[in-house]
Amino acid sequence: MSEFGDKVRTVAVIRGRSTPRIREGRDAAGNPFRAVTDERGNTVTEWDDHHDVTIRAPRITAKATAGD
């Protein structure tokens, strides 16, 4: 492996990244689905004819300041 590949692998181990969580099943109507959730909580649900995506964006706090 290249030097860059070795560095990338080391960073991933130090940060302790987890693997995606995969859930498979059927909804109430009996349609099969597969949901993949990453370490940040973002979920992609795969259906037969489409995909649903749920993004968990981090909370941002803004401080208002008085104008000049």
PDB file of N, CA and C in Angstrom:
ATOM      1  N   MET A   1       0.845  -1.181   0.000  1.00  0.00           N
ATOM      2  CA  MET A   1       0.000   0.000   0.000  1.00  0.00           C
ATOM      3  C   MET A   1       0.889   1.243   0.000  1.00  0.00           C
ATOM      4  N   SER A   2       0.378   2.336  -0.492  1.00  0.00           N
ATOM      5  CA  SER A   2       1.137   3.576  -0.572  1.00  0.00           C
ATOM      6  C   SER A   2       1.250   4.231   0.803  1.00  0.00           C
ATOM      7  N   GLU A   3       2.135   5.200   0.897  1.00  0.00           N
ATOM      8  CA  GLU A   3       2.315   5.929   2.150  1.00  0.00           C
ATOM      9  C   GLU A   3       1.034   6.671   2.524  1.00  0.00           C
ATOM     10  N   PHE A   4       0.372   7.270   1.534  1.00  0.00           N
ATOM     11  CA  PHE A   4      -0.887   7.970   1.786  1.00  0.00           C
ATOM     12  C   PHE A   4      -1.953   7.010   2.328  1.00  0.00           C
ATOM     13  N   GLY A   5      -2.045   5.821   1.726  1.00  0.00           N
ATOM     14  CA  GLY A   5      -3.021   4.842   2.193  1.00  0.00           C
ATOM     15  C   GLY A   5      -2.775   4.419   3.629  1.00  0.00           C
ATOM     16  N   ASP A   6      -1.499   4.285   4.016  1.00  0.00           N
ATOM     17  CA  ASP A   6      -1.162   3.946   5.400  1.00  0.00           C
ATOM     18  C   ASP A   6      -1.587   5.045   6.365  1.00  0.00           C
ATOM     19  N   LYS A   7      -1.393   6.316   5.971  1.00  0.00           N
ATOM     20  CA  LYS A   7      -1.793   7.438   6.825  1.00  0.00           C
ATOM     21  C   LYS A   7      -3.303   7.487   6.984  1.00  0.00           C
ATOM     22  N   VAL A   8      -4.026   7.290   5.908  1.00  0.00           N
ATOM     23  CA  VAL A   8      -5.488   7.331   5.969  1.00  0.00           C
ATOM     24  C   VAL A   8      -6.008   6.223   6.879  1.00  0.00           C
ATOM     25  N   ARG A   9      -5.469   5.046   6.759  1.00  0.00           N
ATOM     26  CA  ARG A   9      -5.891   3.927   7.600  1.00  0.00           C
ATOM     27  C   ARG A   9      -5.624   4.241   9.070  1.00  0.00           C
ATOM     28  N   THR A  10      -4.491   4.866   9.396  1.00  0.00           N
ATOM     29  CA  THR A  10      -4.152   5.216  10.775  1.00  0.00           C
ATOM     30  C   THR A  10      -5.132   6.236  11.331  1.00  0.00           C
ATOM     31  N   VAL A  11      -5.496   7.238  10.555  1.00  0.00           N
ATOM     32  CA  VAL A  11      -6.438   8.251  11.009  1.00  0.00           C
ATOM     33  C   VAL A  11      -7.783   7.613  11.329  1.00  0.00           C
ATOM     34  N   ALA A  12      -8.243   6.710  10.499  1.00  0.00           N
ATOM     35  CA  ALA A  12      -9.529   6.066  10.730  1.00  0.00           C
ATOM     36  C   ALA A  12      -9.515   5.267  12.025  1.00  0.00           C
ATOM     37  N   VAL A  13      -8.395   4.642  12.348  1.00  0.00           N
ATOM     38  CA  VAL A  13      -8.305   3.865  13.585  1.00  0.00           C
ATOM     39  C   VAL A  13      -8.289   4.787  14.786  1.00  0.00           C
ATOM     40  N   ILE A  14      -7.572   5.902  14.711  1.00  0.00           N
ATOM     41  CA  ILE A  14      -7.486   6.836  15.828  1.00  0.00           C
ATOM     42  C   ILE A  14      -8.846   7.462  16.123  1.00  0.00           C
ATOM     43  N   ARG A  15      -9.570   7.849  15.108  1.00  0.00           N
ATOM     44  CA  ARG A  15     -10.871   8.484  15.307  1.00  0.00           C
ATOM     45  C   ARG A  15     -11.925   7.510  15.769  1.00  0.00           C
ATOM     46  N   GLY A  16     -11.700   6.215  15.624  1.00  0.00           N
ATOM     47  CA  GLY A  16     -12.656   5.234  16.105  1.00  0.00           C
ATOM     48  C   GLY A  16     -13.955   5.215  15.324  1.00  0.00           C
ATOM     49  N   ARG A  17     -13.891   5.370  14.027  1.00  0.00           N
ATOM     50  CA  ARG A  17     -15.104   5.391  13.206  1.00  0.00           C
ATOM     51  C   ARG A  17     -15.805   4.049  13.285  1.00  0.00           C
ATOM     52  N   SER A  18     -17.105   4.106  13.331  1.00  0.00           N
ATOM     53  CA  SER A  18     -17.883   2.875  13.393  1.00  0.00           C
ATOM     54  C   SER A  18     -18.379   2.498  12.003  1.00  0.00           C
ATOM     55  N   THR A  19     -18.797   1.282  11.874  1.00  0.00           N
ATOM     56  CA  THR A  19     -19.340   0.823  10.602  1.00  0.00           C
ATOM     57  C   THR A  19     -20.821   1.193  10.530  1.00  0.00           C
ATOM     58  N   PRO A  20     -21.366   1.303   9.343  1.00  0.00           N
ATOM     59  CA  PRO A  20     -22.782   1.631   9.206  1.00  0.00           C
ATOM     60  C   PRO A  20     -23.670   0.545   9.826  1.00  0.00           C
ATOM     61  N   ARG A  21     -24.814   0.967  10.362  1.00  0.00           N
ATOM     62  CA  ARG A  21     -25.806   0.025  10.884  1.00  0.00           C
ATOM     63  C   ARG A  21     -26.817  -0.253   9.770  1.00  0.00           C
ATOM     64  N   ILE A  22     -27.071  -1.515   9.517  1.00  0.00           N
ATOM     65  CA  ILE A  22     -27.971  -1.914   8.436  1.00  0.00           C
ATOM     66  C   ILE A  22     -29.176  -2.625   9.031  1.00  0.00           C
ATOM     67  N   ARG A  23     -30.357  -2.189   8.614  1.00  0.00           N
ATOM     68  CA  ARG A  23     -31.603  -2.792   9.072  1.00  0.00           C
ATOM     69  C   ARG A  23     -32.410  -3.184   7.849  1.00  0.00           C
ATOM     70  N   GLU A  24     -32.902  -4.406   7.814  1.00  0.00           N
ATOM     71  CA  GLU A  24     -33.733  -4.864   6.703  1.00  0.00           C
ATOM     72  C   GLU A  24     -35.044  -5.383   7.263  1.00  0.00           C
ATOM     73  N   GLY A  25     -36.104  -5.222   6.480  1.00  0.00           N
ATOM     74  CA  GLY A  25     -37.398  -5.704   6.938  1.00  0.00           C
ATOM     75  C   GLY A  25     -38.490  -5.369   5.946  1.00  0.00           C
ATOM     76  N   ARG A  26     -39.706  -5.352   6.458  1.00  0.00           N
ATOM     77  CA  ARG A  26     -40.875  -5.007   5.652  1.00  0.00           C
ATOM     78  C   ARG A  26     -41.705  -3.984   6.410  1.00  0.00           C
ATOM     79  N   ASP A  27     -42.325  -3.058   5.651  1.00  0.00           N
ATOM     80  CA  ASP A  27     -43.185  -2.074   6.295  1.00  0.00           C
ATOM     81  C   ASP A  27     -44.568  -2.676   6.567  1.00  0.00           C
ATOM     82  N   ALA A  28     -45.489  -1.876   7.050  1.00  0.00           N
ATOM     83  CA  ALA A  28     -46.826  -2.368   7.402  1.00  0.00           C
ATOM     84  C   ALA A  28     -47.569  -2.952   6.200  1.00  0.00           C
ATOM     85  N   ALA A  29     -47.283  -2.460   4.998  1.00  0.00           N
ATOM     86  CA  ALA A  29     -47.943  -2.949   3.784  1.00  0.00           C
ATOM     87  C   ALA A  29     -47.245  -4.176   3.200  1.00  0.00           C
ATOM     88  N   GLY A  30     -46.133  -4.596   3.804  1.00  0.00           N
ATOM     89  CA  GLY A  30     -45.413  -5.768   3.313  1.00  0.00           C
ATOM     90  C   GLY A  30     -44.331  -5.478   2.293  1.00  0.00           C
ATOM     91  N   ASN A  31     -44.026  -4.202   2.049  1.00  0.00           N
ATOM     92  CA  ASN A  31     -42.983  -3.830   1.091  1.00  0.00           C
ATOM     93  C   ASN A  31     -41.609  -3.974   1.742  1.00  0.00           C
ATOM     94  N   PRO A  32     -40.653  -4.638   1.078  1.00  0.00           N
ATOM     95  CA  PRO A  32     -39.325  -4.797   1.664  1.00  0.00           C
ATOM     96  C   PRO A  32     -38.529  -3.488   1.615  1.00  0.00           C
ATOM     97  N   PHE A  33     -37.674  -3.279   2.638  1.00  0.00           N
ATOM     98  CA  PHE A  33     -36.809  -2.108   2.670  1.00  0.00           C
ATOM     99  C   PHE A  33     -35.470  -2.487   3.279  1.00  0.00           C
ATOM    100  N   ARG A  34     -34.486  -1.621   3.039  1.00  0.00           N
ATOM    101  CA  ARG A  34     -33.169  -1.755   3.642  1.00  0.00           C
ATOM    102  C   ARG A  34     -32.735  -0.363   4.066  1.00  0.00           C
ATOM    103  N   ALA A  35     -32.461  -0.167   5.364  1.00  0.00           N
ATOM    104  CA  ALA A  35     -32.057   1.131   5.898  1.00  0.00           C
ATOM    105  C   ALA A  35     -30.609   1.060   6.369  1.00  0.00           C
ATOM    106  N   VAL A  36     -29.793   2.005   5.896  1.00  0.00           N
ATOM    107  CA  VAL A  36     -28.388   2.076   6.285  1.00  0.00           C
ATOM    108  C   VAL A  36     -28.183   3.400   7.015  1.00  0.00           C
ATOM    109  N   THR A  37     -27.702   3.319   8.274  1.00  0.00           N
ATOM    110  CA  THR A  37     -27.455   4.504   9.085  1.00  0.00           C
ATOM    111  C   THR A  37     -25.961   4.612   9.354  1.00  0.00           C
ATOM    112  N   ASP A  38     -25.373   5.791   9.059  1.00  0.00           N
ATOM    113  CA  ASP A  38     -23.942   5.977   9.292  1.00  0.00           C
ATOM    114  C   ASP A  38     -23.688   6.467  10.712  1.00  0.00           C
ATOM    115  N   GLU A  39     -22.404   6.737  11.047  1.00  0.00           N
ATOM    116  CA  GLU A  39     -22.046   7.095  12.410  1.00  0.00           C
ATOM    117  C   GLU A  39     -22.559   8.460  12.836  1.00  0.00           C
ATOM    118  N   ARG A  40     -22.966   9.301  11.902  1.00  0.00           N
ATOM    119  CA  ARG A  40     -23.521  10.613  12.233  1.00  0.00           C
ATOM    120  C   ARG A  40     -25.042  10.592  12.361  1.00  0.00           C
ATOM    121  N   GLY A  41     -25.667   9.474  12.083  1.00  0.00           N
ATOM    122  CA  GLY A  41     -27.113   9.373  12.202  1.00  0.00           C
ATOM    123  C   GLY A  41     -27.861   9.600  10.903  1.00  0.00           C
ATOM    124  N   ASN A  42     -27.153   9.814   9.793  1.00  0.00           N
ATOM    125  CA  ASN A  42     -27.796   9.961   8.492  1.00  0.00           C
ATOM    126  C   ASN A  42     -28.280   8.593   8.027  1.00  0.00           C
ATOM    127  N   THR A  43     -29.485   8.546   7.476  1.00  0.00           N
ATOM    128  CA  THR A  43     -30.065   7.270   7.068  1.00  0.00           C
ATOM    129  C   THR A  43     -30.495   7.313   5.615  1.00  0.00           C
ATOM    130  N   VAL A  44     -30.175   6.246   4.873  1.00  0.00           N
ATOM    131  CA  VAL A  44     -30.661   6.050   3.512  1.00  0.00           C
ATOM    132  C   VAL A  44     -31.500   4.780   3.537  1.00  0.00           C
ATOM    133  N   THR A  45     -32.779   4.909   3.173  1.00  0.00           N
ATOM    134  CA  THR A  45     -33.676   3.763   3.125  1.00  0.00           C
ATOM    135  C   THR A  45     -33.947   3.427   1.667  1.00  0.00           C
ATOM    136  N   GLU A  46     -33.631   2.190   1.294  1.00  0.00           N
ATOM    137  CA  GLU A  46     -33.806   1.734  -0.080  1.00  0.00           C
ATOM    138  C   GLU A  46     -35.103   0.940  -0.177  1.00  0.00           C
ATOM    139  N   TRP A  47     -35.947   1.331  -1.123  1.00  0.00           N
ATOM    140  CA  TRP A  47     -37.185   0.623  -1.430  1.00  0.00           C
ATOM    141  C   TRP A  47     -37.037   0.034  -2.828  1.00  0.00           C
ATOM    142  N   ASP A  48     -38.042  -0.687  -3.295  1.00  0.00           N
ATOM    143  CA  ASP A  48     -37.982  -1.263  -4.644  1.00  0.00           C
ATOM    144  C   ASP A  48     -37.861  -0.197  -5.722  1.00  0.00           C
ATOM    145  N   ASP A  49     -38.587   0.916  -5.565  1.00  0.00           N
ATOM    146  CA  ASP A  49     -38.656   1.896  -6.642  1.00  0.00           C
ATOM    147  C   ASP A  49     -38.075   3.268  -6.305  1.00  0.00           C
ATOM    148  N   HIS A  50     -37.602   3.482  -5.084  1.00  0.00           N
ATOM    149  CA  HIS A  50     -37.040   4.783  -4.730  1.00  0.00           C
ATOM    150  C   HIS A  50     -36.164   4.674  -3.477  1.00  0.00           C
ATOM    151  N   HIS A  51     -35.509   5.791  -3.126  1.00  0.00           N
ATOM    152  CA  HIS A  51     -34.685   5.888  -1.927  1.00  0.00           C
ATOM    153  C   HIS A  51     -35.191   7.059  -1.091  1.00  0.00           C
ATOM    154  N   ASP A  52     -35.188   6.909   0.232  1.00  0.00           N
ATOM    155  CA  ASP A  52     -35.478   8.003   1.150  1.00  0.00           C
ATOM    156  C   ASP A  52     -34.190   8.330   1.892  1.00  0.00           C
ATOM    157  N   VAL A  53     -33.905   9.627   2.036  1.00  0.00           N
ATOM    158  CA  VAL A  53     -32.686  10.051   2.723  1.00  0.00           C
ATOM    159  C   VAL A  53     -33.062  10.957   3.878  1.00  0.00           C
ATOM    160  N   THR A  54     -32.527  10.670   5.070  1.00  0.00           N
ATOM    161  CA  THR A  54     -32.709  11.518   6.241  1.00  0.00           C
ATOM    162  C   THR A  54     -31.337  11.983   6.684  1.00  0.00           C
ATOM    163  N   ILE A  55     -31.123  13.307   6.672  1.00  0.00           N
ATOM    164  CA  ILE A  55     -29.830  13.866   7.049  1.00  0.00           C
ATOM    165  C   ILE A  55     -29.966  14.546   8.399  1.00  0.00           C
ATOM    166  N   ARG A  56     -29.095  14.188   9.313  1.00  0.00           N
ATOM    167  CA  ARG A  56     -29.059  14.782  10.651  1.00  0.00           C
ATOM    168  C   ARG A  56     -27.931  15.811  10.677  1.00  0.00           C
ATOM    169  N   ALA A  57     -28.239  17.036  10.316  1.00  0.00           N
ATOM    170  CA  ALA A  57     -27.231  18.099  10.295  1.00  0.00           C
ATOM    171  C   ALA A  57     -26.911  18.538  11.726  1.00  0.00           C
ATOM    172  N   PRO A  58     -25.647  18.899  11.982  1.00  0.00           N
ATOM    173  CA  PRO A  58     -25.313  19.360  13.337  1.00  0.00           C
ATOM    174  C   PRO A  58     -25.998  20.683  13.649  1.00  0.00           C
ATOM    175  N   ARG A  59     -26.286  20.891  14.921  1.00  0.00           N
ATOM    176  CA  ARG A  59     -26.935  22.129  15.354  1.00  0.00           C
ATOM    177  C   ARG A  59     -25.918  23.273  15.277  1.00  0.00           C
ATOM    178  N   ILE A  60     -26.362  24.386  14.724  1.00  0.00           N
ATOM    179  CA  ILE A  60     -25.504  25.570  14.611  1.00  0.00           C
ATOM    180  C   ILE A  60     -26.117  26.680  15.437  1.00  0.00           C
ATOM    181  N   THR A  61     -25.329  27.289  16.302  1.00  0.00           N
ATOM    182  CA  THR A  61     -25.801  28.380  17.129  1.00  0.00           C
ATOM    183  C   THR A  61     -25.198  29.676  16.610  1.00  0.00           C
ATOM    184  N   ALA A  62     -26.045  30.643  16.307  1.00  0.00           N
ATOM    185  CA  ALA A  62     -25.577  31.924  15.795  1.00  0.00           C
ATOM    186  C   ALA A  62     -25.804  32.999  16.863  1.00  0.00           C
ATOM    187  N   LYS A  63     -24.848  33.870  16.977  1.00  0.00           N
ATOM    188  CA  LYS A  63     -24.970  34.960  17.940  1.00  0.00           C
ATOM    189  C   LYS A  63     -25.258  36.238  17.173  1.00  0.00           C
ATOM    190  N   ALA A  64     -26.350  36.908  17.521  1.00  0.00           N
ATOM    191  CA  ALA A  64     -26.698  38.157  16.865  1.00  0.00           C
ATOM    192  C   ALA A  64     -25.949  39.304  17.536  1.00  0.00           C
ATOM    193  N   THR A  65     -25.431  40.220  16.725  1.00  0.00           N
ATOM    194  CA  THR A  65     -24.737  41.387  17.262  1.00  0.00           C
ATOM    195  C   THR A  65     -25.445  42.640  16.769  1.00  0.00           C
ATOM    196  N   ALA A  66     -25.299  43.703  17.533  1.00  0.00           N
ATOM    197  CA  ALA A  66     -25.931  44.963  17.163  1.00  0.00           C
ATOM    198  C   ALA A  66     -25.199  45.551  15.944  1.00  0.00           C
ATOM    199  N   GLY A  67     -25.962  46.182  15.043  1.00  0.00           N
ATOM    200  CA  GLY A  67     -25.378  46.800  13.851  1.00  0.00           C
ATOM    201  C   GLY A  67     -24.571  48.051  14.208  1.00  0.00           C
ATOM    202  N   ASP A  68     -23.827  48.558  13.243  1.00  0.00           N
ATOM    203  CA  ASP A  68     -22.982  49.741  13.477  1.00  0.00           C
ATOM    204  C   ASP A  68     -23.804  50.981  13.602  1.00  0.00           C
TER     205      ASP A  68
END
